[in-house]
Amino acid sequence: MIYWIENYEDWVTLVGPLHACALGSKIIITTRKEQLLKKLGYDHLNHRLPPDDALSLLALHALGVKNFDSHLSLQKHGEGIVKKCDGLPLALIALGRLLRTKEFEEEYWKEVLNNEIWRLQNGGGIIPALRLSYHDLSSCLKQLFIYCSLFTKDYMFEKEELVLLWMAEGFLHQSTPSDTTKEHLGHEYFDELVSRPFFQHAPNSESLFVMHDLMNDLATSIASEFFVRLDNETEKIIKKEKLASYVICS
C-alpha cells in the first residue's frame, strides 16, 4: 500500500518502474476523488462492491464467517442491509461490527434494517449506516469521537497523544469507583473506537491512526450542532454574515 499525494509528476515517478512488470499486471487505485482519476487519465470510479461480495463482507464482520449458511434466519435482513448500504465497504464494515455485538439476535438485525435513519433524504451528505453506528455508542464514546472533528482530514495521530488530549479536556470519567487509571480507561475507549471502526491504522504505520474521510465528515456534521471549526472558507462566510448584519442594522 502506498499513500500518495495528489501530484501528477509524483504519479509518473511512482509508476515508472512498474512499466517493467509482466504483461497483464494491474495497479489498484483507491480514491474518493473523481477529479483525481480524470487527471490521471481514468474515467471510472467504482465506489461499490457487487452484491455477493458486499453480503460476504457484512457476514465476515458481523458473524466472523464469509456467508450466512449457518445463520439463515439472519440472511434476509443482511441482504436488506447490504442493499441500503449500496455496496459501500466502510458502511458495511461499520454496521457489521455494530451487529457483531448482538450477532444472533434476529430482532436487533430487524431493528437496524428498519431504522428511521435510512429514510433521511439528506443527512448532511453522511451515510446513514455511519450514523447508526454513531448512535449505538455510549454517551462518553460519542463525546470522545466528536472531539476528533477538530482534526483535519488525513491528519495522523498517535494513540497516546489522543488519550492525553482527552484527559486534559476532562472527558475520561469513571461511572463507578475503580482502580483503573484514567489513562488506561482512555486506552480502552480508543480501542473500542478502532474496533467499530471510527479510527483505523494509517497506511504503512502500526503506531499512527487516521479517520476515514467519511468518518471525519460524520464527526464534523454532528459537532456542527455545538460549535464551528474555523478555516479560511468558514471565516469568509462569517465575515460576510457580520457585514450583512451590520448593513441591515445601520
C-alpha atoms as a PDB file:
ATOM      1  CA  MET A   1       0.000   0.000   0.000  1.00  0.00           C
ATOM      2  CA  ILE A   2       1.345   3.417  -0.953  1.00  0.00           C
ATOM      3  CA  TYR A   3      -0.010   6.653   0.469  1.00  0.00           C
ATOM      4  CA  TRP A   4       0.391   9.137  -2.345  1.00  0.00           C
ATOM      5  CA  ILE A   5      -0.135  12.920  -2.556  1.00  0.00           C
ATOM      6  CA  GLU A   6      -2.145  14.322  -5.485  1.00  0.00           C
ATOM      7  CA  ASN A   7       0.558  15.371  -7.895  1.00  0.00           C
ATOM      8  CA  TYR A   8       0.796  14.117 -11.463  1.00  0.00           C
ATOM      9  CA  GLU A   9       4.601  14.324 -11.558  1.00  0.00           C
ATOM     10  CA  ASP A  10       4.785  12.205  -8.399  1.00  0.00           C
ATOM     11  CA  TRP A  11       2.452   9.699 -10.043  1.00  0.00           C
ATOM     12  CA  VAL A  12       4.695   9.421 -13.098  1.00  0.00           C
ATOM     13  CA  THR A  13       7.694   8.810 -10.835  1.00  0.00           C
ATOM     14  CA  LEU A  14       5.764   6.203  -8.846  1.00  0.00           C
ATOM     15  CA  VAL A  15       4.534   4.122 -11.789  1.00  0.00           C
ATOM     16  CA  GLY A  16       7.711   4.399 -13.870  1.00  0.00           C
ATOM     17  CA  PRO A  17       9.341   1.205 -12.528  1.00  0.00           C
ATOM     18  CA  LEU A  18       6.040  -0.669 -12.876  1.00  0.00           C
ATOM     19  CA  HIS A  19       6.214  -0.475 -16.671  1.00  0.00           C
ATOM     20  CA  ALA A  20       8.737  -3.318 -16.447  1.00  0.00           C
ATOM     21  CA  CYS A  21       6.159  -5.636 -14.848  1.00  0.00           C
ATOM     22  CA  ALA A  22       4.829  -8.715 -16.614  1.00  0.00           C
ATOM     23  CA  LEU A  23       2.122  -8.252 -19.213  1.00  0.00           C
ATOM     24  CA  GLY A  24      -1.315  -8.224 -17.616  1.00  0.00           C
ATOM     25  CA  SER A  25      -0.162  -6.809 -14.256  1.00  0.00           C
ATOM     26  CA  LYS A  26      -2.630  -4.379 -12.685  1.00  0.00           C
ATOM     27  CA  ILE A  27      -2.477  -1.366 -10.374  1.00  0.00           C
ATOM     28  CA  ILE A  28      -5.394  -0.793  -7.998  1.00  0.00           C
ATOM     29  CA  ILE A  29      -6.072   2.874  -7.262  1.00  0.00           C
ATOM     30  CA  THR A  30      -8.308   3.749  -4.309  1.00  0.00           C
ATOM     31  CA  THR A  31      -9.680   7.273  -4.015  1.00  0.00           C
ATOM     32  CA  ARG A  32     -12.961   9.095  -3.464  1.00  0.00           C
ATOM     33  CA  LYS A  33     -11.989  11.942  -5.794  1.00  0.00           C
ATOM     34  CA  GLU A  34     -13.222  11.609  -9.351  1.00  0.00           C
ATOM     35  CA  GLN A  35     -11.241  14.663 -10.463  1.00  0.00           C
ATOM     36  CA  LEU A  36      -8.057  12.909  -9.379  1.00  0.00           C
ATOM     37  CA  LEU A  37      -8.801   9.904 -11.583  1.00  0.00           C
ATOM     38  CA  LYS A  38      -9.573  12.146 -14.550  1.00  0.00           C
ATOM     39  CA  LYS A  39      -6.271  13.929 -14.006  1.00  0.00           C
ATOM     40  CA  LEU A  40      -4.547  10.541 -14.288  1.00  0.00           C
ATOM     41  CA  GLY A  41      -6.469   9.646 -17.423  1.00  0.00           C
ATOM     42  CA  TYR A  42      -9.069   7.301 -15.933  1.00  0.00           C
ATOM     43  CA  ASP A  43     -12.806   7.845 -16.114  1.00  0.00           C
ATOM     44  CA  HIS A  44     -14.393   5.156 -13.962  1.00  0.00           C
ATOM     45  CA  LEU A  45     -14.652   5.398 -10.188  1.00  0.00           C
ATOM     46  CA  ASN A  46     -16.141   2.259  -8.629  1.00  0.00           C
ATOM     47  CA  HIS A  47     -17.477   3.079  -5.167  1.00  0.00           C
ATOM     48  CA  ARG A  48     -19.378  -0.146  -4.584  1.00  0.00           C
ATOM     49  CA  LEU A  49     -18.941  -3.889  -4.147  1.00  0.00           C
ATOM     50  CA  PRO A  50     -21.047  -6.382  -6.140  1.00  0.00           C
ATOM     51  CA  PRO A  51     -23.996  -7.697  -4.051  1.00  0.00           C
ATOM     52  CA  ASP A  52     -22.435 -11.119  -3.309  1.00  0.00           C
ATOM     53  CA  ASP A  53     -19.125  -9.597  -2.210  1.00  0.00           C
ATOM     54  CA  ALA A  54     -20.940  -6.983  -0.131  1.00  0.00           C
ATOM     55  CA  LEU A  55     -23.000  -9.681   1.643  1.00  0.00           C
ATOM     56  CA  SER A  56     -19.831 -11.679   2.302  1.00  0.00           C
ATOM     57  CA  LEU A  57     -18.115  -8.602   3.798  1.00  0.00           C
ATOM     58  CA  LEU A  58     -21.081  -7.948   6.097  1.00  0.00           C
ATOM     59  CA  ALA A  59     -21.129 -11.598   7.227  1.00  0.00           C
ATOM     60  CA  LEU A  60     -17.382 -11.546   7.889  1.00  0.00           C
ATOM     61  CA  HIS A  61     -17.580  -8.557  10.231  1.00  0.00           C
ATOM     62  CA  ALA A  62     -20.931  -9.394  11.819  1.00  0.00           C
ATOM     63  CA  LEU A  63     -20.620 -13.176  12.204  1.00  0.00           C
ATOM     64  CA  GLY A  64     -16.948 -13.979  11.665  1.00  0.00           C
ATOM     65  CA  VAL A  65     -17.718 -16.130   8.610  1.00  0.00           C
ATOM     66  CA  LYS A  66     -17.952 -15.386   4.887  1.00  0.00           C
ATOM     67  CA  ASN A  67     -21.588 -16.335   4.340  1.00  0.00           C
ATOM     68  CA  PHE A  68     -24.930 -16.836   6.080  1.00  0.00           C
ATOM     69  CA  ASP A  69     -25.121 -20.599   5.570  1.00  0.00           C
ATOM     70  CA  SER A  70     -25.144 -21.220   9.317  1.00  0.00           C
ATOM     71  CA  HIS A  71     -27.374 -18.215  10.058  1.00  0.00           C
ATOM     72  CA  LEU A  72     -30.181 -18.474   7.505  1.00  0.00           C
ATOM     73  CA  SER A  73     -32.653 -16.576   9.717  1.00  0.00           C
ATOM     74  CA  LEU A  74     -30.397 -13.524   9.502  1.00  0.00           C
ATOM     75  CA  GLN A  75     -29.696 -13.703   5.765  1.00  0.00           C
ATOM     76  CA  LYS A  76     -32.767 -11.814   4.553  1.00  0.00           C
ATOM     77  CA  HIS A  77     -32.030  -8.993   6.997  1.00  0.00           C
ATOM     78  CA  GLY A  78     -28.397  -8.998   5.898  1.00  0.00           C
ATOM     79  CA  GLU A  79     -29.421  -8.745   2.251  1.00  0.00           C
ATOM     80  CA  GLY A  80     -31.664  -5.786   3.079  1.00  0.00           C
ATOM     81  CA  ILE A  81     -28.859  -4.030   4.953  1.00  0.00           C
ATOM     82  CA  VAL A  82     -26.446  -4.617   2.051  1.00  0.00           C
ATOM     83  CA  LYS A  83     -28.945  -3.053  -0.334  1.00  0.00           C
ATOM     84  CA  LYS A  84     -29.369   0.000   1.888  1.00  0.00           C
ATOM     85  CA  CYS A  85     -25.581   0.370   2.256  1.00  0.00           C
ATOM     86  CA  ASP A  86     -25.408   0.428  -1.556  1.00  0.00           C
ATOM     87  CA  GLY A  87     -22.307  -1.775  -1.530  1.00  0.00           C
ATOM     88  CA  LEU A  88     -20.106   0.792   0.249  1.00  0.00           C
ATOM     89  CA  PRO A  89     -17.342  -1.128   2.096  1.00  0.00           C
ATOM     90  CA  LEU A  90     -16.881   1.287   5.031  1.00  0.00           C
ATOM     91  CA  ALA A  91     -20.626   1.317   5.735  1.00  0.00           C
ATOM     92  CA  LEU A  92     -20.767  -2.492   5.606  1.00  0.00           C
ATOM     93  CA  ILE A  93     -17.793  -2.859   7.939  1.00  0.00           C
ATOM     94  CA  ALA A  94     -19.184  -0.306  10.412  1.00  0.00           C
ATOM     95  CA  LEU A  95     -22.602  -1.964  10.539  1.00  0.00           C
ATOM     96  CA  GLY A  96     -21.056  -5.432  10.617  1.00  0.00           C
ATOM     97  CA  ARG A  97     -19.084  -4.563  13.730  1.00  0.00           C
ATOM     98  CA  LEU A  98     -22.175  -2.985  15.263  1.00  0.00           C
ATOM     99  CA  LEU A  99     -24.218  -6.158  14.603  1.00  0.00           C
ATOM    100  CA  ARG A 100     -21.422  -8.384  15.926  1.00  0.00           C
ATOM    101  CA  THR A 101     -22.216  -7.214  19.458  1.00  0.00           C
ATOM    102  CA  LYS A 102     -25.613  -8.933  19.059  1.00  0.00           C
ATOM    103  CA  GLU A 103     -24.830 -11.357  16.266  1.00  0.00           C
ATOM    104  CA  PHE A 104     -27.544 -13.939  16.899  1.00  0.00           C
ATOM    105  CA  GLU A 105     -30.391 -11.586  17.875  1.00  0.00           C
ATOM    106  CA  GLU A 106     -32.664 -11.558  14.817  1.00  0.00           C
ATOM    107  CA  GLU A 107     -34.867  -8.841  16.310  1.00  0.00           C
ATOM    108  CA  TYR A 108     -31.901  -6.477  16.559  1.00  0.00           C
ATOM    109  CA  TRP A 109     -30.930  -7.098  12.920  1.00  0.00           C
ATOM    110  CA  LYS A 110     -34.521  -6.287  12.002  1.00  0.00           C
ATOM    111  CA  GLU A 111     -34.363  -3.043  14.040  1.00  0.00           C
ATOM    112  CA  VAL A 112     -31.203  -1.948  12.211  1.00  0.00           C
ATOM    113  CA  LEU A 113     -32.769  -2.731   8.825  1.00  0.00           C
ATOM    114  CA  ASN A 114     -35.946  -0.766   9.583  1.00  0.00           C
ATOM    115  CA  ASN A 115     -34.374   2.149  11.458  1.00  0.00           C
ATOM    116  CA  GLU A 116     -35.787   5.609  10.650  1.00  0.00           C
ATOM    117  CA  ILE A 117     -32.295   6.906   9.815  1.00  0.00           C
ATOM    118  CA  TRP A 118     -32.418   5.142   6.441  1.00  0.00           C
ATOM    119  CA  ARG A 119     -35.355   7.383   5.484  1.00  0.00           C
ATOM    120  CA  LEU A 120     -33.355  10.598   5.768  1.00  0.00           C
ATOM    121  CA  GLN A 121     -33.293  12.185   2.323  1.00  0.00           C
ATOM    122  CA  ASN A 122     -30.126  14.137   3.023  1.00  0.00           C
ATOM    123  CA  GLY A 123     -28.314  13.671   6.298  1.00  0.00           C
ATOM    124  CA  GLY A 124     -25.777  16.357   5.501  1.00  0.00           C
ATOM    125  CA  GLY A 125     -24.141  14.028   2.997  1.00  0.00           C
ATOM    126  CA  ILE A 126     -23.467  11.487   5.758  1.00  0.00           C
ATOM    127  CA  ILE A 127     -24.054   7.812   5.030  1.00  0.00           C
ATOM    128  CA  PRO A 128     -26.980   6.605   7.225  1.00  0.00           C
ATOM    129  CA  ALA A 129     -25.100   3.414   8.171  1.00  0.00           C
ATOM    130  CA  LEU A 130     -22.390   5.501   9.827  1.00  0.00           C
ATOM    131  CA  ARG A 131     -24.988   7.493  11.766  1.00  0.00           C
ATOM    132  CA  LEU A 132     -26.438   4.204  13.009  1.00  0.00           C
ATOM    133  CA  SER A 133     -23.005   3.145  14.249  1.00  0.00           C
ATOM    134  CA  TYR A 134     -22.553   6.506  15.970  1.00  0.00           C
ATOM    135  CA  HIS A 135     -25.948   6.341  17.725  1.00  0.00           C
ATOM    136  CA  ASP A 136     -25.011   2.932  19.145  1.00  0.00           C
ATOM    137  CA  LEU A 137     -22.020   4.411  21.014  1.00  0.00           C
ATOM    138  CA  SER A 138     -22.189   5.213  24.716  1.00  0.00           C
ATOM    139  CA  SER A 139     -22.504   8.919  25.579  1.00  0.00           C
ATOM    140  CA  CYS A 140     -18.845   9.008  26.639  1.00  0.00           C
ATOM    141  CA  LEU A 141     -17.623   7.468  23.372  1.00  0.00           C
ATOM    142  CA  LYS A 142     -19.802   9.902  21.414  1.00  0.00           C
ATOM    143  CA  GLN A 143     -18.103  12.818  23.161  1.00  0.00           C
ATOM    144  CA  LEU A 144     -14.628  11.408  22.503  1.00  0.00           C
ATOM    145  CA  PHE A 145     -15.428  10.819  18.830  1.00  0.00           C
ATOM    146  CA  ILE A 146     -16.951  14.280  18.293  1.00  0.00           C
ATOM    147  CA  TYR A 147     -13.827  15.837  19.814  1.00  0.00           C
ATOM    148  CA  CYS A 148     -11.879  14.363  16.898  1.00  0.00           C
ATOM    149  CA  SER A 149     -13.816  16.585  14.480  1.00  0.00           C
ATOM    150  CA  LEU A 150     -11.091  19.106  15.316  1.00  0.00           C
ATOM    151  CA  PHE A 151      -8.692  17.004  13.234  1.00  0.00           C
ATOM    152  CA  THR A 152      -8.394  17.870   9.568  1.00  0.00           C
ATOM    153  CA  LYS A 153      -8.872  15.104   7.003  1.00  0.00           C
ATOM    154  CA  ASP A 154      -5.890  12.745   6.673  1.00  0.00           C
ATOM    155  CA  TYR A 155      -4.425  14.008   9.981  1.00  0.00           C
ATOM    156  CA  MET A 156      -2.445  11.167  11.545  1.00  0.00           C
ATOM    157  CA  PHE A 157      -2.331  10.831  15.328  1.00  0.00           C
ATOM    158  CA  GLU A 158      -0.873   8.537  17.971  1.00  0.00           C
ATOM    159  CA  LYS A 159      -2.989   6.635  20.457  1.00  0.00           C
ATOM    160  CA  GLU A 160      -1.137   8.017  23.469  1.00  0.00           C
ATOM    161  CA  GLU A 161      -1.329  11.563  22.103  1.00  0.00           C
ATOM    162  CA  LEU A 162      -5.121  11.460  21.727  1.00  0.00           C
ATOM    163  CA  VAL A 163      -5.674   9.807  25.115  1.00  0.00           C
ATOM    164  CA  LEU A 164      -3.678  12.576  26.794  1.00  0.00           C
ATOM    165  CA  LEU A 165      -5.752  15.203  24.962  1.00  0.00           C
ATOM    166  CA  TRP A 166      -8.952  13.524  26.199  1.00  0.00           C
ATOM    167  CA  MET A 167      -7.538  13.517  29.733  1.00  0.00           C
ATOM    168  CA  ALA A 168      -6.621  17.207  29.508  1.00  0.00           C
ATOM    169  CA  GLU A 169     -10.186  18.045  28.447  1.00  0.00           C
ATOM    170  CA  GLY A 170     -11.592  16.129  31.425  1.00  0.00           C
ATOM    171  CA  PHE A 171     -13.503  13.644  29.266  1.00  0.00           C
ATOM    172  CA  LEU A 172     -12.376  10.442  30.994  1.00  0.00           C
ATOM    173  CA  HIS A 173     -14.686   9.783  33.939  1.00  0.00           C
ATOM    174  CA  GLN A 174     -15.313   6.546  35.820  1.00  0.00           C
ATOM    175  CA  SER A 175     -19.018   5.690  36.080  1.00  0.00           C
ATOM    176  CA  THR A 176     -18.274   3.590  39.185  1.00  0.00           C
ATOM    177  CA  PRO A 177     -15.319   3.587  41.613  1.00  0.00           C
ATOM    178  CA  SER A 178     -12.429   1.594  40.129  1.00  0.00           C
ATOM    179  CA  ASP A 179      -8.685   1.061  40.394  1.00  0.00           C
ATOM    180  CA  THR A 180      -8.383   1.700  36.639  1.00  0.00           C
ATOM    181  CA  THR A 181      -6.406   4.858  35.843  1.00  0.00           C
ATOM    182  CA  LYS A 182      -7.856   7.492  33.512  1.00  0.00           C
ATOM    183  CA  GLU A 183      -5.076   6.763  31.025  1.00  0.00           C
ATOM    184  CA  HIS A 184      -5.924   3.054  30.977  1.00  0.00           C
ATOM    185  CA  LEU A 185      -9.604   3.915  30.572  1.00  0.00           C
ATOM    186  CA  GLY A 186      -8.692   6.178  27.648  1.00  0.00           C
ATOM    187  CA  HIS A 187      -6.815   3.302  26.002  1.00  0.00           C
ATOM    188  CA  GLU A 188      -9.883   1.080  26.352  1.00  0.00           C
ATOM    189  CA  TYR A 189     -12.117   3.735  24.793  1.00  0.00           C
ATOM    190  CA  PHE A 190      -9.629   4.268  21.978  1.00  0.00           C
ATOM    191  CA  ASP A 191      -9.522   0.523  21.209  1.00  0.00           C
ATOM    192  CA  GLU A 192     -13.324   0.449  21.162  1.00  0.00           C
ATOM    193  CA  LEU A 193     -13.415   3.245  18.558  1.00  0.00           C
ATOM    194  CA  VAL A 194     -10.825   1.388  16.471  1.00  0.00           C
ATOM    195  CA  SER A 195     -12.900  -1.789  16.581  1.00  0.00           C
ATOM    196  CA  ARG A 196     -16.060  -0.040  15.312  1.00  0.00           C
ATOM    197  CA  PRO A 197     -14.128   1.291  13.030  1.00  0.00           C
ATOM    198  CA  PHE A 198     -14.222   5.041  13.761  1.00  0.00           C
ATOM    199  CA  PHE A 199     -10.406   5.082  13.710  1.00  0.00           C
ATOM    200  CA  GLN A 200      -8.137   2.978  11.521  1.00  0.00           C
ATOM    201  CA  HIS A 201      -4.406   2.415  11.182  1.00  0.00           C
ATOM    202  CA  ALA A 202      -2.650   4.931   8.970  1.00  0.00           C
ATOM    203  CA  PRO A 203      -1.077   3.470   5.812  1.00  0.00           C
ATOM    204  CA  ASN A 204       2.316   1.856   6.400  1.00  0.00           C
ATOM    205  CA  SER A 205       2.256   2.539  10.147  1.00  0.00           C
ATOM    206  CA  GLU A 206       1.334   0.463  13.173  1.00  0.00           C
ATOM    207  CA  SER A 207       1.720   3.370  15.603  1.00  0.00           C
ATOM    208  CA  LEU A 208      -0.265   6.077  13.775  1.00  0.00           C
ATOM    209  CA  PHE A 209      -4.010   6.266  13.231  1.00  0.00           C
ATOM    210  CA  VAL A 210      -6.310   8.236  10.963  1.00  0.00           C
ATOM    211  CA  MET A 211     -10.034   8.831  10.499  1.00  0.00           C
ATOM    212  CA  HIS A 212     -11.527   7.824   7.170  1.00  0.00           C
ATOM    213  CA  ASP A 213     -12.793  10.878   5.270  1.00  0.00           C
ATOM    214  CA  LEU A 214     -16.393   9.702   5.723  1.00  0.00           C
ATOM    215  CA  MET A 215     -15.882   9.322   9.484  1.00  0.00           C
ATOM    216  CA  ASN A 216     -14.361  12.793   9.582  1.00  0.00           C
ATOM    217  CA  ASP A 217     -17.430  14.119   7.734  1.00  0.00           C
ATOM    218  CA  LEU A 218     -19.660  12.369  10.280  1.00  0.00           C
ATOM    219  CA  ALA A 219     -17.815  13.867  13.267  1.00  0.00           C
ATOM    220  CA  THR A 220     -17.815  17.340  11.702  1.00  0.00           C
ATOM    221  CA  SER A 221     -21.525  17.128  10.856  1.00  0.00           C
ATOM    222  CA  ILE A 222     -22.504  16.162  14.406  1.00  0.00           C
ATOM    223  CA  ALA A 223     -20.086  18.636  16.002  1.00  0.00           C
ATOM    224  CA  SER A 224     -21.543  21.489  13.937  1.00  0.00           C
ATOM    225  CA  GLU A 225     -24.594  21.329  16.212  1.00  0.00           C
ATOM    226  CA  PHE A 226     -22.390  22.524  19.089  1.00  0.00           C
ATOM    227  CA  PHE A 227     -19.547  24.637  17.662  1.00  0.00           C
ATOM    228  CA  VAL A 228     -17.935  25.981  14.495  1.00  0.00           C
ATOM    229  CA  ARG A 229     -14.491  24.944  13.268  1.00  0.00           C
ATOM    230  CA  LEU A 230     -12.894  27.916  11.567  1.00  0.00           C
ATOM    231  CA  ASP A 231     -10.979  27.501   8.340  1.00  0.00           C
ATOM    232  CA  ASN A 232     -10.361  30.024   5.565  1.00  0.00           C
ATOM    233  CA  GLU A 233     -13.704  29.405   3.866  1.00  0.00           C
ATOM    234  CA  THR A 234     -15.702  29.472   7.120  1.00  0.00           C
ATOM    235  CA  GLU A 235     -14.073  32.735   8.167  1.00  0.00           C
ATOM    236  CA  LYS A 236     -15.053  34.304   4.846  1.00  0.00           C
ATOM    237  CA  ILE A 237     -18.687  33.236   5.344  1.00  0.00           C
ATOM    238  CA  ILE A 238     -18.775  34.566   8.909  1.00  0.00           C
ATOM    239  CA  LYS A 239     -17.282  37.892   7.851  1.00  0.00           C
ATOM    240  CA  LYS A 240     -19.868  38.216   5.070  1.00  0.00           C
ATOM    241  CA  GLU A 241     -22.706  37.470   7.507  1.00  0.00           C
ATOM    242  CA  LYS A 242     -21.367  40.009  10.000  1.00  0.00           C
ATOM    243  CA  LEU A 243     -21.098  42.622   7.273  1.00  0.00           C
ATOM    244  CA  ALA A 244     -24.637  41.913   6.041  1.00  0.00           C
ATOM    245  CA  SER A 245     -25.935  42.150   9.606  1.00  0.00           C
ATOM    246  CA  TYR A 246     -24.151  45.469  10.098  1.00  0.00           C
ATOM    247  CA  VAL A 247     -25.560  46.922   6.884  1.00  0.00           C
ATOM    248  CA  ILE A 248     -29.126  45.846   7.790  1.00  0.00           C
ATOM    249  CA  CYS A 249     -28.883  47.224  11.333  1.00  0.00           C
ATOM    250  CA  SER A 250     -27.444  50.556  10.244  1.00  0.00           C
END
